[in-house]
C-alpha atoms as a PDB file:
ATOM      1  CA  MET A   1       0.000   0.000   0.000  1.00  0.00           C
ATOM      2  CA  LEU A   2       2.802   2.434   0.891  1.00  0.00           C
ATOM      3  CA  THR A   3       4.599   1.623  -2.368  1.00  0.00           C
ATOM      4  CA  GLN A   4       1.452   2.533  -4.274  1.00  0.00           C
ATOM      5  CA  SER A   5       1.117   5.799  -2.382  1.00  0.00           C
ATOM      6  CA  LEU A   6       4.716   6.741  -3.113  1.00  0.00           C
ATOM      7  CA  ALA A   7       4.528   5.878  -6.817  1.00  0.00           C
ATOM      8  CA  GLY A   8       3.856   9.542  -7.635  1.00  0.00           C
ATOM      9  CA  LEU A   9       6.763  10.823  -5.535  1.00  0.00           C
ATOM     10  CA  PRO A  10       9.189  11.275  -8.459  1.00  0.00           C
ATOM     11  CA  SER A  11       6.626  13.338 -10.386  1.00  0.00           C
ATOM     12  CA  PHE A  12       5.865  15.381  -7.269  1.00  0.00           C
ATOM     13  CA  LEU A  13       9.550  16.101  -6.758  1.00  0.00           C
ATOM     14  CA  PHE A  14      10.050  17.171 -10.399  1.00  0.00           C
ATOM     15  CA  TYR A  15       6.994  19.446 -10.352  1.00  0.00           C
ATOM     16  CA  PHE A  16       7.879  20.882  -6.950  1.00  0.00           C
ATOM     17  CA  ALA A  17      11.516  21.534  -7.898  1.00  0.00           C
ATOM     18  CA  THR A  18      10.436  23.166 -11.151  1.00  0.00           C
ATOM     19  CA  ALA A  19       7.862  25.314  -9.364  1.00  0.00           C
ATOM     20  CA  VAL A  20      10.337  26.450  -6.707  1.00  0.00           C
ATOM     21  CA  SER A  21      12.893  27.189  -9.437  1.00  0.00           C
ATOM     22  CA  LEU A  22      10.319  29.289 -11.293  1.00  0.00           C
ATOM     23  CA  LEU A  23       9.473  31.118  -8.061  1.00  0.00           C
ATOM     24  CA  LEU A  24      13.142  31.882  -7.421  1.00  0.00           C
ATOM     25  CA  LEU A  25      13.503  33.034 -11.034  1.00  0.00           C
ATOM     26  CA  PHE A  26      10.460  35.293 -10.665  1.00  0.00           C
ATOM     27  CA  VAL A  27      11.675  36.870  -7.416  1.00  0.00           C
ATOM     28  CA  THR A  28      15.158  37.382  -8.857  1.00  0.00           C
ATOM     29  CA  VAL A  29      13.913  38.995 -12.073  1.00  0.00           C
ATOM     30  CA  TYR A  30      11.333  41.087 -10.221  1.00  0.00           C
ATOM     31  CA  ILE A  31      13.953  42.443  -7.836  1.00  0.00           C
ATOM     32  CA  LEU A  32      16.293  43.154 -10.736  1.00  0.00           C
ATOM     33  CA  ILE A  33      13.723  45.163 -12.711  1.00  0.00           C
ATOM     34  CA  THR A  34      12.651  47.324  -9.794  1.00  0.00           C
ATOM     35  CA  PRO A  35      14.783  50.407  -9.073  1.00  0.00           C
ATOM     36  CA  TYR A  36      14.973  49.479  -5.364  1.00  0.00           C
ATOM     37  CA  HIS A  37      16.027  46.331  -3.541  1.00  0.00           C
ATOM     38  CA  GLU A  38      12.917  44.941  -1.854  1.00  0.00           C
ATOM     39  CA  ILE A  39      14.734  42.395   0.300  1.00  0.00           C
ATOM     40  CA  THR A  40      16.953  45.074   1.845  1.00  0.00           C
ATOM     41  CA  LEU A  41      13.939  47.327   2.382  1.00  0.00           C
ATOM     42  CA  ILE A  42      11.979  44.484   3.978  1.00  0.00           C
ATOM     43  CA  ARG A  43      14.899  43.676   6.282  1.00  0.00           C
ATOM     44  CA  GLU A  44      14.833  47.338   7.313  1.00  0.00           C
ATOM     45  CA  GLY A  45      11.130  46.999   8.177  1.00  0.00           C
ATOM     46  CA  ASN A  46       9.647  48.738   5.131  1.00  0.00           C
ATOM     47  CA  PRO A  47       5.959  47.686   4.962  1.00  0.00           C
ATOM     48  CA  ALA A  48       5.435  49.145   1.476  1.00  0.00           C
ATOM     49  CA  ALA A  49       8.157  46.903   0.037  1.00  0.00           C
ATOM     50  CA  ALA A  50       6.769  43.890   1.900  1.00  0.00           C
ATOM     51  CA  ALA A  51       3.220  44.511   0.635  1.00  0.00           C
ATOM     52  CA  SER A  52       4.368  45.084  -2.933  1.00  0.00           C
ATOM     53  CA  LEU A  53       6.726  42.102  -3.167  1.00  0.00           C
ATOM     54  CA  GLY A  54       4.391  39.858  -1.165  1.00  0.00           C
ATOM     55  CA  GLY A  55       1.506  40.632  -3.501  1.00  0.00           C
ATOM     56  CA  ALA A  56       3.692  40.044  -6.544  1.00  0.00           C
ATOM     57  CA  ILE A  57       4.812  36.668  -5.187  1.00  0.00           C
ATOM     58  CA  LEU A  58       1.222  35.609  -4.474  1.00  0.00           C
ATOM     59  CA  GLY A  59       0.142  36.979  -7.852  1.00  0.00           C
ATOM     60  CA  PHE A  60       2.737  34.732  -9.471  1.00  0.00           C
ATOM     61  CA  VAL A  61       2.219  31.628  -7.332  1.00  0.00           C
ATOM     62  CA  LEU A  62      -1.557  31.464  -7.844  1.00  0.00           C
ATOM     63  CA  PRO A  63      -1.366  30.973 -11.632  1.00  0.00           C
ATOM     64  CA  LEU A  64       1.673  28.744 -11.170  1.00  0.00           C
ATOM     65  CA  ALA A  65      -0.409  26.499  -8.890  1.00  0.00           C
ATOM     66  CA  SER A  66      -3.163  26.492 -11.505  1.00  0.00           C
ATOM     67  CA  ALA A  67      -0.627  25.547 -14.166  1.00  0.00           C
ATOM     68  CA  ILE A  68       0.582  22.672 -11.991  1.00  0.00           C
ATOM     69  CA  ALA A  69      -2.967  21.445 -11.404  1.00  0.00           C
ATOM     70  CA  HIS A  70      -4.030  21.665 -15.043  1.00  0.00           C
ATOM     71  CA  SER A  71      -0.873  20.874 -16.990  1.00  0.00           C
ATOM     72  CA  VAL A  72      -0.488  17.753 -19.075  1.00  0.00           C
ATOM     73  CA  SER A  73       3.270  17.534 -18.553  1.00  0.00           C
ATOM     74  CA  LEU A  74       6.154  19.116 -16.703  1.00  0.00           C
ATOM     75  CA  LEU A  75       7.086  21.090 -19.816  1.00  0.00           C
ATOM     76  CA  ASP A  76       3.504  22.319 -20.165  1.00  0.00           C
ATOM     77  CA  MET A  77       3.568  23.494 -16.547  1.00  0.00           C
ATOM     78  CA  ALA A  78       6.909  25.230 -17.022  1.00  0.00           C
ATOM     79  CA  VAL A  79       5.692  27.065 -20.140  1.00  0.00           C
ATOM     80  CA  TRP A  80       2.551  28.309 -18.377  1.00  0.00           C
ATOM     81  CA  GLY A  81       4.669  29.208 -15.349  1.00  0.00           C
ATOM     82  CA  LEU A  82       6.851  31.386 -17.580  1.00  0.00           C
ATOM     83  CA  ILE A  83       3.714  32.992 -19.013  1.00  0.00           C
ATOM     84  CA  ALA A  84       2.586  33.771 -15.452  1.00  0.00           C
ATOM     85  CA  LEU A  85       6.018  35.254 -14.773  1.00  0.00           C
ATOM     86  CA  LEU A  86       5.805  37.529 -17.802  1.00  0.00           C
ATOM     87  CA  ILE A  87       2.302  38.666 -16.906  1.00  0.00           C
ATOM     88  CA  GLN A  88       3.405  39.641 -13.395  1.00  0.00           C
ATOM     89  CA  LEU A  89       6.309  41.635 -14.826  1.00  0.00           C
ATOM     90  CA  LEU A  90       3.821  43.437 -17.071  1.00  0.00           C
ATOM     91  CA  VAL A  91       1.654  44.143 -14.012  1.00  0.00           C
ATOM     92  CA  TYR A  92       4.622  45.852 -12.381  1.00  0.00           C
ATOM     93  CA  GLY A  93       5.104  47.926 -15.553  1.00  0.00           C
ATOM     94  CA  ALA A  94       1.427  48.897 -15.525  1.00  0.00           C
ATOM     95  CA  GLY A  95       1.705  49.847 -11.873  1.00  0.00           C
ATOM     96  CA  ARG A  96       4.654  52.106 -12.665  1.00  0.00           C
ATOM     97  CA  LEU A  97       2.492  53.861 -15.260  1.00  0.00           C
ATOM     98  CA  LEU A  98      -0.407  54.238 -12.823  1.00  0.00           C
ATOM     99  CA  LEU A  99       1.851  55.436 -10.005  1.00  0.00           C
ATOM    100  CA  PRO A 100       4.694  57.450 -11.566  1.00  0.00           C
ATOM    101  CA  GLY A 101       6.208  58.114  -8.109  1.00  0.00           C
ATOM    102  CA  LEU A 102       6.412  54.413  -7.252  1.00  0.00           C
ATOM    103  CA  ALA A 103      10.222  54.340  -7.433  1.00  0.00           C
ATOM    104  CA  ARG A 104      10.267  56.926  -4.615  1.00  0.00           C
ATOM    105  CA  ASP A 105       7.180  55.728  -2.731  1.00  0.00           C
ATOM    106  CA  ILE A 106       8.269  52.153  -1.988  1.00  0.00           C
ATOM    107  CA  PRO A 107      11.712  53.036  -0.558  1.00  0.00           C
ATOM    108  CA  ALA A 108      10.047  55.845   1.419  1.00  0.00           C
ATOM    109  CA  GLY A 109       7.737  53.264   3.008  1.00  0.00           C
ATOM    110  CA  ARG A 110       4.513  54.724   1.635  1.00  0.00           C
ATOM    111  CA  VAL A 111       2.215  51.828   2.442  1.00  0.00           C
ATOM    112  CA  ALA A 112      -0.581  52.982   0.140  1.00  0.00           C
ATOM    113  CA  SER A 113       1.613  52.507  -2.941  1.00  0.00           C
ATOM    114  CA  GLY A 114       2.936  49.147  -1.729  1.00  0.00           C
ATOM    115  CA  ALA A 115      -0.538  47.900  -0.833  1.00  0.00           C
ATOM    116  CA  PHE A 116      -1.936  49.027  -4.184  1.00  0.00           C
ATOM    117  CA  MET A 117       0.867  47.289  -6.097  1.00  0.00           C
ATOM    118  CA  GLY A 118       0.444  44.127  -4.041  1.00  0.00           C
ATOM    119  CA  ALA A 119      -3.326  44.130  -4.556  1.00  0.00           C
ATOM    120  CA  LEU A 120      -2.945  44.784  -8.289  1.00  0.00           C
ATOM    121  CA  ALA A 121      -0.487  41.889  -8.648  1.00  0.00           C
ATOM    122  CA  LEU A 122      -2.748  39.609  -6.626  1.00  0.00           C
ATOM    123  CA  ALA A 123      -5.878  40.574  -8.593  1.00  0.00           C
ATOM    124  CA  ILE A 124      -4.196  39.940 -11.939  1.00  0.00           C
ATOM    125  CA  GLY A 125      -2.724  36.706 -10.573  1.00  0.00           C
ATOM    126  CA  ILE A 126      -6.204  35.472  -9.611  1.00  0.00           C
ATOM    127  CA  LEU A 127      -7.535  36.307 -13.073  1.00  0.00           C
ATOM    128  CA  ASN A 128      -4.496  34.690 -14.671  1.00  0.00           C
ATOM    129  CA  ALA A 129      -5.004  31.519 -12.607  1.00  0.00           C
ATOM    130  CA  ALA A 130      -8.687  31.367 -13.521  1.00  0.00           C
ATOM    131  CA  CYS A 131      -7.871  31.728 -17.208  1.00  0.00           C
ATOM    132  CA  MET A 132      -5.485  28.761 -16.969  1.00  0.00           C
ATOM    133  CA  THR A 133      -8.256  26.360 -16.000  1.00  0.00           C
ATOM    134  CA  TYR A 134      -9.482  26.027 -19.594  1.00  0.00           C
END
């Protein structure tokens, strides 16, 4: 019985490792495209940076989870994960257009800007995840 239960373990490990790798790629790219370093700001106690990056991470992970649940193969999941990554980067770009002072607001700890960016990323992530359920 245990052998049967563990038969899917290799697939789980491949999917999980791929998903974590995509998450690390997303966080790395996101931090590189922003004009401030969120991790440093978060370590300093900046709530705007935490809200913005936290929302972006959730906005990415939700469609990634949907891709995992609905994919037909590991490659299929990875492709849709990369699409989710690109969409979240576009959300950040849209947020920069909506809030031209964002590059100053987040380092200054203006929570309203960070919360708005986090909510925007999360909202688009939910829509993105729903669209992946085909």
